[in-house]
Amino acid sequence: MPAFPGKCFYCGKELKGRGVKRHFRTHLRDLKEGEDAFLILARSGLFWMVIAVRKDLLLEDLDRFLRDV
């Protein structure tokens, strides 16, 4: 992943691309008991985002989120 800066919208921390996945894993540990999630990396050229997604999320909801972004 490129080292271009980004921002975690969950906590507001400024991040470099290389540390994003590690940073989001800390948020995944904050999930409630029994709540499972995974990370999705989406990128195109210089643009990227990492999305933490609950496993019970419908693809329709993920599609709507990505279109809104």
N, C-alpha and C. Protein backbone atom coordinates (compact mmCIF):
# COMPACT_ATOMS: atom_id res chain seq x y z
N MET A 1 0.84 -1.17 0.00
CA MET A 1 0.00 0.00 0.00
C MET A 1 0.89 1.23 0.00
N PRO A 2 0.54 2.27 -0.73
CA PRO A 2 1.35 3.49 -0.76
C PRO A 2 1.43 4.15 0.61
N ALA A 3 2.45 4.94 0.81
CA ALA A 3 2.65 5.60 2.10
C ALA A 3 1.99 6.98 2.13
N PHE A 4 0.96 7.20 1.34
CA PHE A 4 0.27 8.48 1.36
C PHE A 4 -0.57 8.57 2.62
N PRO A 5 -0.70 9.78 3.19
CA PRO A 5 -1.42 9.92 4.44
C PRO A 5 -2.92 9.70 4.29
N GLY A 6 -3.53 9.34 5.39
CA GLY A 6 -4.97 9.17 5.45
C GLY A 6 -5.44 9.50 6.86
N LYS A 7 -6.72 9.31 7.10
CA LYS A 7 -7.29 9.62 8.40
C LYS A 7 -8.27 8.53 8.80
N CYS A 8 -8.18 8.10 10.03
CA CYS A 8 -9.13 7.14 10.57
C CYS A 8 -10.38 7.92 10.99
N PHE A 9 -11.50 7.61 10.36
CA PHE A 9 -12.73 8.32 10.69
C PHE A 9 -13.36 7.81 11.98
N TYR A 10 -12.85 6.71 12.50
CA TYR A 10 -13.34 6.17 13.76
C TYR A 10 -12.78 6.96 14.95
N CYS A 11 -11.46 7.23 14.92
CA CYS A 11 -10.83 7.92 16.05
C CYS A 11 -10.18 9.25 15.67
N GLY A 12 -10.08 9.54 14.36
CA GLY A 12 -9.52 10.81 13.91
C GLY A 12 -8.01 10.84 13.77
N LYS A 13 -7.34 9.75 14.04
CA LYS A 13 -5.88 9.72 13.97
C LYS A 13 -5.41 9.82 12.52
N GLU A 14 -4.37 10.64 12.28
CA GLU A 14 -3.74 10.74 10.97
C GLU A 14 -2.82 9.53 10.79
N LEU A 15 -2.90 8.91 9.61
CA LEU A 15 -2.17 7.66 9.37
C LEU A 15 -1.41 7.72 8.06
N LYS A 16 -0.33 6.95 8.01
CA LYS A 16 0.38 6.69 6.76
C LYS A 16 -0.14 5.35 6.24
N GLY A 17 -0.12 5.18 4.93
CA GLY A 17 -0.67 3.98 4.32
C GLY A 17 -0.14 2.68 4.90
N ARG A 18 1.13 2.64 5.22
CA ARG A 18 1.72 1.38 5.69
C ARG A 18 1.24 0.96 7.07
N GLY A 19 0.75 1.88 7.88
CA GLY A 19 0.32 1.53 9.22
C GLY A 19 -1.19 1.39 9.38
N VAL A 20 -1.92 1.56 8.29
CA VAL A 20 -3.38 1.58 8.37
C VAL A 20 -3.95 0.25 8.82
N LYS A 21 -3.53 -0.85 8.20
CA LYS A 21 -4.10 -2.15 8.57
C LYS A 21 -3.83 -2.47 10.04
N ARG A 22 -2.63 -2.19 10.49
CA ARG A 22 -2.28 -2.44 11.90
C ARG A 22 -3.16 -1.57 12.81
N HIS A 23 -3.37 -0.31 12.42
CA HIS A 23 -4.21 0.59 13.22
C HIS A 23 -5.64 0.06 13.31
N PHE A 24 -6.21 -0.37 12.20
CA PHE A 24 -7.59 -0.85 12.22
C PHE A 24 -7.74 -2.13 13.02
N ARG A 25 -6.71 -2.94 13.05
CA ARG A 25 -6.79 -4.16 13.86
C ARG A 25 -7.01 -3.82 15.33
N THR A 26 -6.46 -2.68 15.78
CA THR A 26 -6.69 -2.28 17.18
C THR A 26 -8.16 -1.96 17.40
N HIS A 27 -8.83 -1.37 16.41
CA HIS A 27 -10.26 -1.09 16.53
C HIS A 27 -11.07 -2.39 16.48
N LEU A 28 -10.63 -3.36 15.71
CA LEU A 28 -11.35 -4.64 15.64
C LEU A 28 -11.34 -5.33 17.00
N ARG A 29 -10.28 -5.13 17.77
CA ARG A 29 -10.21 -5.72 19.11
C ARG A 29 -11.21 -5.08 20.07
N ASP A 30 -11.69 -3.86 19.72
CA ASP A 30 -12.65 -3.16 20.58
C ASP A 30 -14.09 -3.62 20.38
N LEU A 31 -14.31 -4.55 19.45
CA LEU A 31 -15.67 -5.02 19.17
C LEU A 31 -16.26 -5.72 20.38
N LYS A 32 -17.57 -5.69 20.48
CA LYS A 32 -18.26 -6.38 21.57
C LYS A 32 -18.11 -7.89 21.42
N GLU A 33 -18.25 -8.57 22.52
CA GLU A 33 -18.16 -10.04 22.53
C GLU A 33 -19.14 -10.63 21.52
N GLY A 34 -18.68 -11.54 20.69
CA GLY A 34 -19.53 -12.20 19.70
C GLY A 34 -19.71 -11.42 18.42
N GLU A 35 -19.18 -10.21 18.34
CA GLU A 35 -19.31 -9.38 17.13
C GLU A 35 -18.05 -9.60 16.28
N ASP A 36 -18.22 -10.18 15.10
CA ASP A 36 -17.08 -10.46 14.23
C ASP A 36 -17.03 -9.46 13.09
N ALA A 37 -15.82 -9.13 12.65
CA ALA A 37 -15.64 -8.20 11.56
C ALA A 37 -14.36 -8.55 10.81
N PHE A 38 -14.20 -7.96 9.65
CA PHE A 38 -12.98 -8.14 8.88
C PHE A 38 -12.65 -6.83 8.17
N LEU A 39 -11.45 -6.74 7.62
CA LEU A 39 -11.00 -5.53 6.92
C LEU A 39 -11.04 -5.74 5.42
N ILE A 40 -11.46 -4.70 4.71
CA ILE A 40 -11.43 -4.70 3.24
C ILE A 40 -10.52 -3.55 2.82
N LEU A 41 -9.56 -3.85 1.97
CA LEU A 41 -8.71 -2.83 1.39
C LEU A 41 -9.20 -2.56 -0.03
N ALA A 42 -9.55 -1.31 -0.29
CA ALA A 42 -9.97 -0.90 -1.63
C ALA A 42 -8.99 0.16 -2.12
N ARG A 43 -8.46 -0.02 -3.31
CA ARG A 43 -7.52 0.98 -3.82
C ARG A 43 -7.61 1.07 -5.33
N SER A 44 -7.27 2.26 -5.81
CA SER A 44 -7.23 2.54 -7.23
C SER A 44 -6.21 3.65 -7.44
N GLY A 45 -5.09 3.31 -8.05
CA GLY A 45 -4.04 4.32 -8.25
C GLY A 45 -3.53 4.84 -6.91
N LEU A 46 -3.59 6.16 -6.74
CA LEU A 46 -3.11 6.79 -5.51
C LEU A 46 -4.15 6.77 -4.39
N PHE A 47 -5.38 6.41 -4.70
CA PHE A 47 -6.45 6.47 -3.71
C PHE A 47 -6.64 5.10 -3.05
N TRP A 48 -6.91 5.12 -1.76
CA TRP A 48 -7.12 3.87 -1.04
C TRP A 48 -8.02 4.12 0.16
N MET A 49 -8.62 3.06 0.65
CA MET A 49 -9.34 3.10 1.92
C MET A 49 -9.37 1.69 2.49
N VAL A 50 -9.38 1.63 3.80
CA VAL A 50 -9.54 0.37 4.51
C VAL A 50 -10.85 0.48 5.26
N ILE A 51 -11.70 -0.53 5.10
CA ILE A 51 -13.02 -0.49 5.69
C ILE A 51 -13.15 -1.68 6.65
N ALA A 52 -13.55 -1.40 7.89
CA ALA A 52 -13.85 -2.46 8.84
C ALA A 52 -15.33 -2.80 8.67
N VAL A 53 -15.60 -4.07 8.38
CA VAL A 53 -16.96 -4.50 8.05
C VAL A 53 -17.38 -5.62 8.99
N ARG A 54 -18.55 -5.47 9.60
CA ARG A 54 -19.10 -6.56 10.40
C ARG A 54 -19.48 -7.70 9.48
N LYS A 55 -19.29 -8.92 9.95
CA LYS A 55 -19.56 -10.10 9.11
C LYS A 55 -21.02 -10.26 8.76
N ASP A 56 -21.92 -9.66 9.54
CA ASP A 56 -23.34 -9.79 9.23
C ASP A 56 -23.87 -8.66 8.33
N LEU A 57 -22.99 -7.79 7.86
CA LEU A 57 -23.39 -6.70 6.97
C LEU A 57 -23.84 -7.26 5.62
N LEU A 58 -24.92 -6.74 5.10
CA LEU A 58 -25.39 -7.17 3.79
C LEU A 58 -24.55 -6.50 2.70
N LEU A 59 -24.31 -7.22 1.61
CA LEU A 59 -23.56 -6.64 0.50
C LEU A 59 -24.25 -5.40 -0.04
N GLU A 60 -25.56 -5.36 0.01
CA GLU A 60 -26.31 -4.18 -0.42
C GLU A 60 -25.90 -2.94 0.40
N ASP A 61 -25.72 -3.14 1.71
CA ASP A 61 -25.30 -2.03 2.58
C ASP A 61 -23.87 -1.59 2.28
N LEU A 62 -22.99 -2.55 2.04
CA LEU A 62 -21.61 -2.22 1.67
C LEU A 62 -21.58 -1.48 0.34
N ASP A 63 -22.37 -1.93 -0.62
CA ASP A 63 -22.45 -1.27 -1.92
C ASP A 63 -22.92 0.18 -1.75
N ARG A 64 -23.94 0.40 -0.93
CA ARG A 64 -24.46 1.75 -0.71
C ARG A 64 -23.39 2.63 -0.07
N PHE A 65 -22.67 2.08 0.92
CA PHE A 65 -21.60 2.85 1.56
C PHE A 65 -20.54 3.27 0.55
N LEU A 66 -20.07 2.31 -0.26
CA LEU A 66 -19.03 2.62 -1.23
C LEU A 66 -19.50 3.64 -2.26
N ARG A 67 -20.72 3.57 -2.69
CA ARG A 67 -21.26 4.55 -3.65
C ARG A 67 -21.37 5.93 -3.01
N ASP A 68 -21.71 5.97 -1.72
CA ASP A 68 -21.80 7.26 -1.03
C ASP A 68 -20.44 7.92 -0.89
N VAL A 69 -19.42 7.11 -0.70
CA VAL A 69 -18.06 7.65 -0.56
C VAL A 69 -17.65 8.24 -1.89
